[in-house]
PDB file of N, CA and C in Angstrom:
ATOM      1  N   UNK A   1     -38.040 -17.928  23.037  1.00  0.00           N
ATOM      2  CA  UNK A   1     -37.387 -16.718  23.458  1.00  0.00           C
ATOM      3  C   UNK A   1     -36.762 -16.908  24.834  1.00  0.00           C
ATOM      4  N   UNK A   2     -37.507 -17.555  25.724  1.00  0.00           N
ATOM      5  CA  UNK A   2     -36.998 -17.776  27.069  1.00  0.00           C
ATOM      6  C   UNK A   2     -35.822 -18.748  27.034  1.00  0.00           C
ATOM      7  N   UNK A   3     -35.883 -19.757  26.167  1.00  0.00           N
ATOM      8  CA  UNK A   3     -34.786 -20.718  26.052  1.00  0.00           C
ATOM      9  C   UNK A   3     -33.533 -20.046  25.512  1.00  0.00           C
ATOM     10  N   UNK A   4     -33.688 -19.124  24.599  1.00  0.00           N
ATOM     11  CA  UNK A   4     -32.533 -18.414  24.051  1.00  0.00           C
ATOM     12  C   UNK A   4     -31.864 -17.566  25.117  1.00  0.00           C
ATOM     13  N   UNK A   5     -32.647 -16.934  25.975  1.00  0.00           N
ATOM     14  CA  UNK A   5     -32.076 -16.139  27.054  1.00  0.00           C
ATOM     15  C   UNK A   5     -31.331 -17.010  28.050  1.00  0.00           C
ATOM     16  N   UNK A   6     -31.894 -18.143  28.357  1.00  0.00           N
ATOM     17  CA  UNK A   6     -31.248 -19.042  29.318  1.00  0.00           C
ATOM     18  C   UNK A   6     -29.934 -19.578  28.758  1.00  0.00           C
ATOM     19  N   UNK A   7     -29.917 -19.948  27.470  1.00  0.00           N
ATOM     20  CA  UNK A   7     -28.685 -20.444  26.861  1.00  0.00           C
ATOM     21  C   UNK A   7     -27.615 -19.367  26.845  1.00  0.00           C
ATOM     22  N   UNK A   8     -28.003 -18.148  26.584  1.00  0.00           N
ATOM     23  CA  UNK A   8     -27.042 -17.052  26.537  1.00  0.00           C
ATOM     24  C   UNK A   8     -26.465 -16.799  27.921  1.00  0.00           C
ATOM     25  N   UNK A   9     -27.301 -16.847  28.942  1.00  0.00           N
ATOM     26  CA  UNK A   9     -26.817 -16.624  30.299  1.00  0.00           C
ATOM     27  C   UNK A   9     -25.873 -17.742  30.732  1.00  0.00           C
ATOM     28  N   UNK A  10     -26.186 -18.963  30.357  1.00  0.00           N
ATOM     29  CA  UNK A  10     -25.326 -20.093  30.719  1.00  0.00           C
ATOM     30  C   UNK A  10     -23.987 -19.971  30.002  1.00  0.00           C
ATOM     31  N   UNK A  11     -24.016 -19.584  28.728  1.00  0.00           N
ATOM     32  CA  UNK A  11     -22.787 -19.472  27.952  1.00  0.00           C
ATOM     33  C   UNK A  11     -21.903 -18.350  28.490  1.00  0.00           C
ATOM     34  N   UNK A  12     -22.506 -17.280  28.969  1.00  0.00           N
ATOM     35  CA  UNK A  12     -21.720 -16.179  29.510  1.00  0.00           C
ATOM     36  C   UNK A  12     -21.228 -16.460  30.925  1.00  0.00           C
ATOM     37  N   UNK A  13     -21.916 -17.291  31.636  1.00  0.00           N
ATOM     38  CA  UNK A  13     -21.561 -17.545  33.031  1.00  0.00           C
ATOM     39  C   UNK A  13     -20.325 -18.420  33.165  1.00  0.00           C
ATOM     40  N   UNK A  14     -20.085 -19.350  32.255  1.00  0.00           N
ATOM     41  CA  UNK A  14     -18.921 -20.226  32.386  1.00  0.00           C
ATOM     42  C   UNK A  14     -17.861 -19.872  31.338  1.00  0.00           C
ATOM     43  N   UNK A  15     -16.621 -20.008  31.666  1.00  0.00           N
ATOM     44  CA  UNK A  15     -15.562 -19.662  30.706  1.00  0.00           C
ATOM     45  C   UNK A  15     -15.486 -20.673  29.572  1.00  0.00           C
ATOM     46  N   UNK A  16     -14.990 -20.214  28.422  1.00  0.00           N
ATOM     47  CA  UNK A  16     -14.888 -21.079  27.262  1.00  0.00           C
ATOM     48  C   UNK A  16     -13.752 -22.086  27.401  1.00  0.00           C
ATOM     49  N   UNK A  17     -12.650 -21.696  28.020  1.00  0.00           N
ATOM     50  CA  UNK A  17     -11.495 -22.571  28.165  1.00  0.00           C
ATOM     51  C   UNK A  17     -11.273 -22.839  29.647  1.00  0.00           C
ATOM     52  N   UNK A  18     -11.223 -24.089  29.997  1.00  0.00           N
ATOM     53  CA  UNK A  18     -10.983 -24.464  31.389  1.00  0.00           C
ATOM     54  C   UNK A  18      -9.480 -24.508  31.651  1.00  0.00           C
ATOM     55  N   UNK A  19      -8.990 -23.878  32.702  1.00  0.00           N
ATOM     56  CA  UNK A  19      -7.559 -23.931  32.988  1.00  0.00           C
ATOM     57  C   UNK A  19      -7.142 -25.324  33.445  1.00  0.00           C
ATOM     58  N   UNK A  20      -5.947 -25.720  33.074  1.00  0.00           N
ATOM     59  CA  UNK A  20      -5.422 -27.016  33.485  1.00  0.00           C
ATOM     60  C   UNK A  20      -4.948 -26.946  34.922  1.00  0.00           C
ATOM     61  N   UNK A  21      -5.188 -27.992  35.665  1.00  0.00           N
ATOM     62  CA  UNK A  21      -4.799 -28.008  37.075  1.00  0.00           C
ATOM     63  C   UNK A  21      -3.290 -28.158  37.225  1.00  0.00           C
ATOM     64  N   UNK A  22      -2.643 -28.846  36.276  1.00  0.00           N
ATOM     65  CA  UNK A  22      -1.215 -29.099  36.394  1.00  0.00           C
ATOM     66  C   UNK A  22      -0.366 -28.129  35.575  1.00  0.00           C
ATOM     67  N   UNK A  23      -0.938 -27.039  35.128  1.00  0.00           N
ATOM     68  CA  UNK A  23      -0.185 -26.097  34.297  1.00  0.00           C
ATOM     69  C   UNK A  23       0.809 -25.329  35.164  1.00  0.00           C
ATOM     70  N   UNK A  24       2.040 -25.278  34.694  1.00  0.00           N
ATOM     71  CA  UNK A  24       3.062 -24.519  35.414  1.00  0.00           C
ATOM     72  C   UNK A  24       3.362 -23.257  34.621  1.00  0.00           C
ATOM     73  N   UNK A  25       3.675 -22.180  35.287  1.00  0.00           N
ATOM     74  CA  UNK A  25       3.970 -20.948  34.554  1.00  0.00           C
ATOM     75  C   UNK A  25       5.258 -21.088  33.742  1.00  0.00           C
ATOM     76  N   UNK A  26       5.262 -20.541  32.572  1.00  0.00           N
ATOM     77  CA  UNK A  26       6.409 -20.605  31.672  1.00  0.00           C
ATOM     78  C   UNK A  26       7.324 -19.422  31.972  1.00  0.00           C
ATOM     79  N   UNK A  27       8.603 -19.688  32.072  1.00  0.00           N
ATOM     80  CA  UNK A  27       9.532 -18.594  32.327  1.00  0.00           C
ATOM     81  C   UNK A  27       9.780 -17.821  31.036  1.00  0.00           C
ATOM     82  N   UNK A  28       9.848 -16.532  31.135  1.00  0.00           N
ATOM     83  CA  UNK A  28      10.030 -15.663  29.984  1.00  0.00           C
ATOM     84  C   UNK A  28      11.391 -14.996  30.086  1.00  0.00           C
ATOM     85  N   UNK A  29      12.173 -15.122  28.990  1.00  0.00           N
ATOM     86  CA  UNK A  29      13.480 -14.472  28.960  1.00  0.00           C
ATOM     87  C   UNK A  29      13.395 -13.257  28.063  1.00  0.00           C
ATOM     88  N   UNK A  30      14.044 -12.207  28.451  1.00  0.00           N
ATOM     89  CA  UNK A  30      14.082 -11.027  27.586  1.00  0.00           C
ATOM     90  C   UNK A  30      15.359 -11.066  26.756  1.00  0.00           C
ATOM     91  N   UNK A  31      15.247 -10.623  25.531  1.00  0.00           N
ATOM     92  CA  UNK A  31      16.377 -10.630  24.611  1.00  0.00           C
ATOM     93  C   UNK A  31      16.886  -9.201  24.482  1.00  0.00           C
ATOM     94  N   UNK A  32      18.181  -9.017  24.647  1.00  0.00           N
ATOM     95  CA  UNK A  32      18.768  -7.704  24.493  1.00  0.00           C
ATOM     96  C   UNK A  32      19.052  -7.473  23.015  1.00  0.00           C
ATOM     97  N   UNK A  33      18.414  -6.448  22.438  1.00  0.00           N
ATOM     98  CA  UNK A  33      18.548  -6.213  21.006  1.00  0.00           C
ATOM     99  C   UNK A  33      19.533  -5.109  20.661  1.00  0.00           C
ATOM    100  N   UNK A  34      19.868  -4.270  21.588  1.00  0.00           N
ATOM    101  CA  UNK A  34      20.834  -3.206  21.313  1.00  0.00           C
ATOM    102  C   UNK A  34      22.147  -3.542  22.001  1.00  0.00           C
ATOM    103  N   UNK A  35      23.247  -3.374  21.299  1.00  0.00           N
ATOM    104  CA  UNK A  35      24.531  -3.695  21.913  1.00  0.00           C
ATOM    105  C   UNK A  35      24.887  -2.660  22.978  1.00  0.00           C
ATOM    106  N   UNK A  36      25.680  -3.090  23.919  1.00  0.00           N
ATOM    107  CA  UNK A  36      26.104  -2.187  24.982  1.00  0.00           C
ATOM    108  C   UNK A  36      27.013  -1.101  24.414  1.00  0.00           C
ATOM    109  N   UNK A  37      27.781  -1.438  23.399  1.00  0.00           N
ATOM    110  CA  UNK A  37      28.694  -0.474  22.790  1.00  0.00           C
ATOM    111  C   UNK A  37      28.509  -0.559  21.270  1.00  0.00           C
ATOM    112  N   UNK A  38      28.210   0.573  20.634  1.00  0.00           N
ATOM    113  CA  UNK A  38      28.008   0.608  19.193  1.00  0.00           C
ATOM    114  C   UNK A  38      29.365   0.641  18.513  1.00  0.00           C
ATOM    115  N   UNK A  39      29.678  -0.390  17.749  1.00  0.00           N
ATOM    116  CA  UNK A  39      30.986  -0.429  17.105  1.00  0.00           C
ATOM    117  C   UNK A  39      30.901   0.094  15.673  1.00  0.00           C
ATOM    118  N   UNK A  40      32.044   0.259  15.042  1.00  0.00           N
ATOM    119  CA  UNK A  40      32.121   0.851  13.711  1.00  0.00           C
ATOM    120  C   UNK A  40      31.516  -0.028  12.634  1.00  0.00           C
ATOM    121  N   UNK A  41      31.583  -1.334  12.789  1.00  0.00           N
ATOM    122  CA  UNK A  41      31.081  -2.216  11.743  1.00  0.00           C
ATOM    123  C   UNK A  41      29.571  -2.084  11.564  1.00  0.00           C
ATOM    124  N   UNK A  42      28.850  -1.906  12.650  1.00  0.00           N
ATOM    125  CA  UNK A  42      27.400  -1.725  12.536  1.00  0.00           C
ATOM    126  C   UNK A  42      27.077  -0.386  11.884  1.00  0.00           C
ATOM    127  N   UNK A  43      27.851   0.625  12.186  1.00  0.00           N
ATOM    128  CA  UNK A  43      27.627   1.936  11.577  1.00  0.00           C
ATOM    129  C   UNK A  43      27.906   1.888  10.078  1.00  0.00           C
ATOM    130  N   UNK A  44      28.971   1.204   9.695  1.00  0.00           N
ATOM    131  CA  UNK A  44      29.285   1.064   8.268  1.00  0.00           C
ATOM    132  C   UNK A  44      28.216   0.254   7.545  1.00  0.00           C
ATOM    133  N   UNK A  45      27.725  -0.782   8.193  1.00  0.00           N
ATOM    134  CA  UNK A  45      26.660  -1.586   7.590  1.00  0.00           C
ATOM    135  C   UNK A  45      25.410  -0.745   7.359  1.00  0.00           C
ATOM    136  N   UNK A  46      25.071   0.095   8.326  1.00  0.00           N
ATOM    137  CA  UNK A  46      23.898   0.958   8.174  1.00  0.00           C
ATOM    138  C   UNK A  46      24.101   1.955   7.033  1.00  0.00           C
ATOM    139  N   UNK A  47      25.323   2.450   6.876  1.00  0.00           N
ATOM    140  CA  UNK A  47      25.611   3.377   5.774  1.00  0.00           C
ATOM    141  C   UNK A  47      25.445   2.690   4.424  1.00  0.00           C
ATOM    142  N   UNK A  48      25.932   1.456   4.312  1.00  0.00           N
ATOM    143  CA  UNK A  48      25.813   0.734   3.044  1.00  0.00           C
ATOM    144  C   UNK A  48      24.360   0.388   2.727  1.00  0.00           C
ATOM    145  N   UNK A  49      23.593   0.051   3.735  1.00  0.00           N
ATOM    146  CA  UNK A  49      22.171  -0.238   3.511  1.00  0.00           C
ATOM    147  C   UNK A  49      21.451   1.023   3.050  1.00  0.00           C
ATOM    148  N   UNK A  50      21.756   2.158   3.655  1.00  0.00           N
ATOM    149  CA  UNK A  50      21.157   3.423   3.239  1.00  0.00           C
ATOM    150  C   UNK A  50      21.544   3.810   1.824  1.00  0.00           C
ATOM    151  N   UNK A  51      22.806   3.587   1.471  1.00  0.00           N
ATOM    152  CA  UNK A  51      23.245   3.905   0.109  1.00  0.00           C
ATOM    153  C   UNK A  51      22.553   3.007  -0.910  1.00  0.00           C
ATOM    154  N   UNK A  52      22.366   1.744  -0.575  1.00  0.00           N
ATOM    155  CA  UNK A  52      21.662   0.831  -1.472  1.00  0.00           C
ATOM    156  C   UNK A  52      20.210   1.236  -1.671  1.00  0.00           C
ATOM    157  N   UNK A  53      19.554   1.659  -0.592  1.00  0.00           N
ATOM    158  CA  UNK A  53      18.163   2.098  -0.706  1.00  0.00           C
ATOM    159  C   UNK A  53      18.051   3.387  -1.522  1.00  0.00           C
ATOM    160  N   UNK A  54      19.078   4.231  -1.448  1.00  0.00           N
ATOM    161  CA  UNK A  54      19.032   5.492  -2.182  1.00  0.00           C
ATOM    162  C   UNK A  54      19.231   5.297  -3.681  1.00  0.00           C
ATOM    163  N   UNK A  55      19.868   4.212  -4.091  1.00  0.00           N
ATOM    164  CA  UNK A  55      20.151   4.019  -5.513  1.00  0.00           C
ATOM    165  C   UNK A  55      19.145   3.104  -6.208  1.00  0.00           C
ATOM    166  N   UNK A  56      18.046   2.783  -5.558  1.00  0.00           N
ATOM    167  CA  UNK A  56      17.018   1.929  -6.170  1.00  0.00           C
ATOM    168  C   UNK A  56      16.421   2.609  -7.409  1.00  0.00           C
ATOM    169  N   UNK A  57      16.293   3.929  -7.379  1.00  0.00           N
ATOM    170  CA  UNK A  57      15.698   4.654  -8.504  1.00  0.00           C
ATOM    171  C   UNK A  57      16.496   4.540  -9.786  1.00  0.00           C
ATOM    172  N   UNK A  58      17.775   4.240  -9.685  1.00  0.00           N
ATOM    173  CA  UNK A  58      18.615   4.120 -10.870  1.00  0.00           C
ATOM    174  C   UNK A  58      18.177   2.921 -11.717  1.00  0.00           C
ATOM    175  N   UNK A  59      17.670   1.892 -11.079  1.00  0.00           N
ATOM    176  CA  UNK A  59      17.225   0.702 -11.823  1.00  0.00           C
ATOM    177  C   UNK A  59      16.058   1.044 -12.748  1.00  0.00           C
ATOM    178  N   UNK A  60      15.112   1.830 -12.257  1.00  0.00           N
ATOM    179  CA  UNK A  60      13.981   2.228 -13.094  1.00  0.00           C
ATOM    180  C   UNK A  60      14.410   3.105 -14.250  1.00  0.00           C
ATOM    181  N   UNK A  61      15.353   3.985 -13.986  1.00  0.00           N
ATOM    182  CA  UNK A  61      15.865   4.849 -15.050  1.00  0.00           C
ATOM    183  C   UNK A  61      16.587   4.026 -16.111  1.00  0.00           C
ATOM    184  N   UNK A  62      17.373   3.064 -15.681  1.00  0.00           N
ATOM    185  CA  UNK A  62      18.084   2.200 -16.631  1.00  0.00           C
ATOM    186  C   UNK A  62      17.135   1.383 -17.484  1.00  0.00           C
ATOM    187  N   UNK A  63      16.062   0.892 -16.881  1.00  0.00           N
ATOM    188  CA  UNK A  63      15.075   0.125 -17.653  1.00  0.00           C
ATOM    189  C   UNK A  63      14.378   1.019 -18.677  1.00  0.00           C
ATOM    190  N   UNK A  64      14.084   2.261 -18.279  1.00  0.00           N
ATOM    191  CA  UNK A  64      13.440   3.192 -19.216  1.00  0.00           C
ATOM    192  C   UNK A  64      14.336   3.542 -20.382  1.00  0.00           C
ATOM    193  N   UNK A  65      15.613   3.767 -20.104  1.00  0.00           N
ATOM    194  CA  UNK A  65      16.553   4.104 -21.175  1.00  0.00           C
ATOM    195  C   UNK A  65      16.724   2.925 -22.128  1.00  0.00           C
ATOM    196  N   UNK A  66      16.811   1.736 -21.591  1.00  0.00           N
ATOM    197  CA  UNK A  66      16.913   0.546 -22.437  1.00  0.00           C
ATOM    198  C   UNK A  66      15.696   0.369 -23.313  1.00  0.00           C
ATOM    199  N   UNK A  67      14.527   0.648 -22.764  1.00  0.00           N
ATOM    200  CA  UNK A  67      13.298   0.537 -23.549  1.00  0.00           C
ATOM    201  C   UNK A  67      13.269   1.570 -24.673  1.00  0.00           C
ATOM    202  N   UNK A  68      13.719   2.786 -24.378  1.00  0.00           N
ATOM    203  CA  UNK A  68      13.715   3.850 -25.387  1.00  0.00           C
ATOM    204  C   UNK A  68      14.636   3.496 -26.547  1.00  0.00           C
ATOM    205  N   UNK A  69      15.865   3.073 -26.241  1.00  0.00           N
ATOM    206  CA  UNK A  69      16.800   2.770 -27.324  1.00  0.00           C
ATOM    207  C   UNK A  69      16.432   1.476 -28.051  1.00  0.00           C
ATOM    208  N   UNK A  70      15.809   0.539 -27.352  1.00  0.00           N
ATOM    209  CA  UNK A  70      15.307  -0.662 -28.025  1.00  0.00           C
ATOM    210  C   UNK A  70      14.217  -0.327 -29.025  1.00  0.00           C
ATOM    211  N   UNK A  71      13.357   0.602 -28.649  1.00  0.00           N
ATOM    212  CA  UNK A  71      12.301   1.041 -29.563  1.00  0.00           C
ATOM    213  C   UNK A  71      12.878   1.810 -30.740  1.00  0.00           C
ATOM    214  N   UNK A  72      13.975   2.541 -30.505  1.00  0.00           N
ATOM    215  CA  UNK A  72      14.631   3.244 -31.611  1.00  0.00           C
ATOM    216  C   UNK A  72      15.145   2.247 -32.646  1.00  0.00           C
ATOM    217  N   UNK A  73      15.800   1.199 -32.190  1.00  0.00           N
ATOM    218  CA  UNK A  73      16.328   0.195 -33.121  1.00  0.00           C
ATOM    219  C   UNK A  73      15.192  -0.485 -33.880  1.00  0.00           C
ATOM    220  N   UNK A  74      14.110  -0.792 -33.160  1.00  0.00           N
ATOM    221  CA  UNK A  74      12.965  -1.439 -33.811  1.00  0.00           C
ATOM    222  C   UNK A  74      12.311  -0.527 -34.839  1.00  0.00           C
ATOM    223  N   UNK A  75      12.141   0.747 -34.496  1.00  0.00           N
ATOM    224  CA  UNK A  75      11.535   1.697 -35.428  1.00  0.00           C
ATOM    225  C   UNK A  75      12.416   1.946 -36.637  1.00  0.00           C
ATOM    226  N   UNK A  76      13.722   2.005 -36.423  1.00  0.00           N
ATOM    227  CA  UNK A  76      14.640   2.217 -37.537  1.00  0.00           C
ATOM    228  C   UNK A  76      14.656   1.005 -38.472  1.00  0.00           C
ATOM    229  N   UNK A  77      14.509  -0.182 -37.899  1.00  0.00           N
ATOM    230  CA  UNK A  77      14.468  -1.394 -38.722  1.00  0.00           C
ATOM    231  C   UNK A  77      13.192  -1.449 -39.564  1.00  0.00           C
ATOM    232  N   UNK A  78      12.104  -0.906 -39.061  1.00  0.00           N
ATOM    233  CA  UNK A  78      10.859  -0.926 -39.813  1.00  0.00           C
ATOM    234  C   UNK A  78      10.822   0.131 -40.915  1.00  0.00           C
ATOM    235  N   UNK A  79      11.373   1.324 -40.618  1.00  0.00           N
ATOM    236  CA  UNK A  79      11.300   2.412 -41.598  1.00  0.00           C
ATOM    237  C   UNK A  79      12.587   3.245 -41.522  1.00  0.00           C
ATOM    238  N   UNK A  80      13.594   2.879 -42.286  1.00  0.00           N
ATOM    239  CA  UNK A  80      14.879   3.592 -42.224  1.00  0.00           C
ATOM    240  C   UNK A  80      14.816   5.045 -42.679  1.00  0.00           C
ATOM    241  N   UNK A  81      13.805   5.418 -43.433  1.00  0.00           N
ATOM    242  CA  UNK A  81      13.734   6.803 -43.923  1.00  0.00           C
ATOM    243  C   UNK A  81      13.400   7.798 -42.799  1.00  0.00           C
ATOM    244  N   UNK A  82      12.889   7.332 -41.688  1.00  0.00           N
ATOM    245  CA  UNK A  82      12.545   8.212 -40.562  1.00  0.00           C
ATOM    246  C   UNK A  82      13.653   8.276 -39.520  1.00  0.00           C
ATOM    247  N   UNK A  83      14.881   8.035 -39.941  1.00  0.00           N
ATOM    248  CA  UNK A  83      16.002   7.949 -38.995  1.00  0.00           C
ATOM    249  C   UNK A  83      16.141   9.223 -38.156  1.00  0.00           C
ATOM    250  N   UNK A  84      16.116  10.386 -38.776  1.00  0.00           N
ATOM    251  CA  UNK A  84      16.349  11.641 -38.060  1.00  0.00           C
ATOM    252  C   UNK A  84      15.230  11.929 -37.065  1.00  0.00           C
ATOM    253  N   UNK A  85      13.988  11.726 -37.466  1.00  0.00           N
ATOM    254  CA  UNK A  85      12.856  11.985 -36.578  1.00  0.00           C
ATOM    255  C   UNK A  85      12.844  10.992 -35.413  1.00  0.00           C
ATOM    256  N   UNK A  86      13.115   9.720 -35.676  1.00  0.00           N
ATOM    257  CA  UNK A  86      13.164   8.724 -34.608  1.00  0.00           C
ATOM    258  C   UNK A  86      14.277   9.022 -33.610  1.00  0.00           C
ATOM    259  N   UNK A  87      15.406   9.491 -34.121  1.00  0.00           N
ATOM    260  CA  UNK A  87      16.521   9.789 -33.222  1.00  0.00           C
ATOM    261  C   UNK A  87      16.190  10.966 -32.310  1.00  0.00           C
ATOM    262  N   UNK A  88      15.489  11.980 -32.824  1.00  0.00           N
ATOM    263  CA  UNK A  88      15.116  13.113 -31.966  1.00  0.00           C
ATOM    264  C   UNK A  88      14.115  12.676 -30.896  1.00  0.00           C
ATOM    265  N   UNK A  89      13.181  11.800 -31.257  1.00  0.00           N
ATOM    266  CA  UNK A  89      12.255  11.263 -30.254  1.00  0.00           C
ATOM    267  C   UNK A  89      12.995  10.423 -29.221  1.00  0.00           C
ATOM    268  N   UNK A  90      14.017   9.726 -29.681  1.00  0.00           N
ATOM    269  CA  UNK A  90      14.790   8.882 -28.777  1.00  0.00           C
ATOM    270  C   UNK A  90      15.536   9.732 -27.747  1.00  0.00           C
ATOM    271  N   UNK A  91      16.132  10.806 -28.192  1.00  0.00           N
ATOM    272  CA  UNK A  91      16.853  11.686 -27.265  1.00  0.00           C
ATOM    273  C   UNK A  91      15.881  12.315 -26.266  1.00  0.00           C
ATOM    274  N   UNK A  92      14.696  12.681 -26.721  1.00  0.00           N
ATOM    275  CA  UNK A  92      13.683  13.232 -25.823  1.00  0.00           C
ATOM    276  C   UNK A  92      13.259  12.188 -24.782  1.00  0.00           C
ATOM    277  N   UNK A  93      13.038  10.954 -25.220  1.00  0.00           N
ATOM    278  CA  UNK A  93      12.680   9.881 -24.282  1.00  0.00           C
ATOM    279  C   UNK A  93      13.793   9.580 -23.293  1.00  0.00           C
ATOM    280  N   UNK A  94      15.039   9.641 -23.761  1.00  0.00           N
ATOM    281  CA  UNK A  94      16.185   9.436 -22.885  1.00  0.00           C
ATOM    282  C   UNK A  94      16.230  10.510 -21.811  1.00  0.00           C
ATOM    283  N   UNK A  95      16.038  11.765 -22.202  1.00  0.00           N
ATOM    284  CA  UNK A  95      16.085  12.869 -21.249  1.00  0.00           C
ATOM    285  C   UNK A  95      14.959  12.757 -20.221  1.00  0.00           C
ATOM    286  N   UNK A  96      13.772  12.401 -20.669  1.00  0.00           N
ATOM    287  CA  UNK A  96      12.639  12.291 -19.734  1.00  0.00           C
ATOM    288  C   UNK A  96      12.822  11.141 -18.754  1.00  0.00           C
ATOM    289  N   UNK A  97      13.290   9.995 -19.234  1.00  0.00           N
ATOM    290  CA  UNK A  97      13.477   8.867 -18.319  1.00  0.00           C
ATOM    291  C   UNK A  97      14.635   9.126 -17.355  1.00  0.00           C
ATOM    292  N   UNK A  98      15.645   9.833 -17.796  1.00  0.00           N
ATOM    293  CA  UNK A  98      16.759  10.175 -16.907  1.00  0.00           C
ATOM    294  C   UNK A  98      16.292  11.184 -15.842  1.00  0.00           C
ATOM    295  N   UNK A  99      15.467  12.137 -16.253  1.00  0.00           N
ATOM    296  CA  UNK A  99      14.953  13.121 -15.289  1.00  0.00           C
ATOM    297  C   UNK A  99      14.063  12.456 -14.245  1.00  0.00           C
ATOM    298  N   UNK A 100      13.286  11.463 -14.631  1.00  0.00           N
ATOM    299  CA  UNK A 100      12.434  10.766 -13.672  1.00  0.00           C
ATOM    300  C   UNK A 100      13.269   9.952 -12.682  1.00  0.00           C
ATOM    301  N   UNK A 101      14.419   9.479 -13.109  1.00  0.00           N
ATOM    302  CA  UNK A 101      15.295   8.728 -12.218  1.00  0.00           C
ATOM    303  C   UNK A 101      15.948   9.604 -11.164  1.00  0.00           C
ATOM    304  N   UNK A 102      16.145  10.871 -11.488  1.00  0.00           N
ATOM    305  CA  UNK A 102      16.747  11.789 -10.524  1.00  0.00           C
ATOM    306  C   UNK A 102      15.737  12.181  -9.491  1.00  0.00           C
TER     307      UNK A 102
END
């Protein structure tokens, strides 16, 4: 117990990393990130990026619609006598996936 206390005191008394005697301070440069004058090209770029982010939901809607009509073709190929019922389900699925995209 006494040895553990002594080791802990010794470990806390001296630093873990010894500084180098020949270390010179490193110069730090600051980088200017905002332009002095905001030009039109940056504003247009920001508008296009915003428009692209706003239309991401259309991709999910398109995938849902493709899945619905693909399933319609598959179901019609398996059982042609259910054409009318499958088509009504297809229109319902189209409307729901389009509404989720909005």
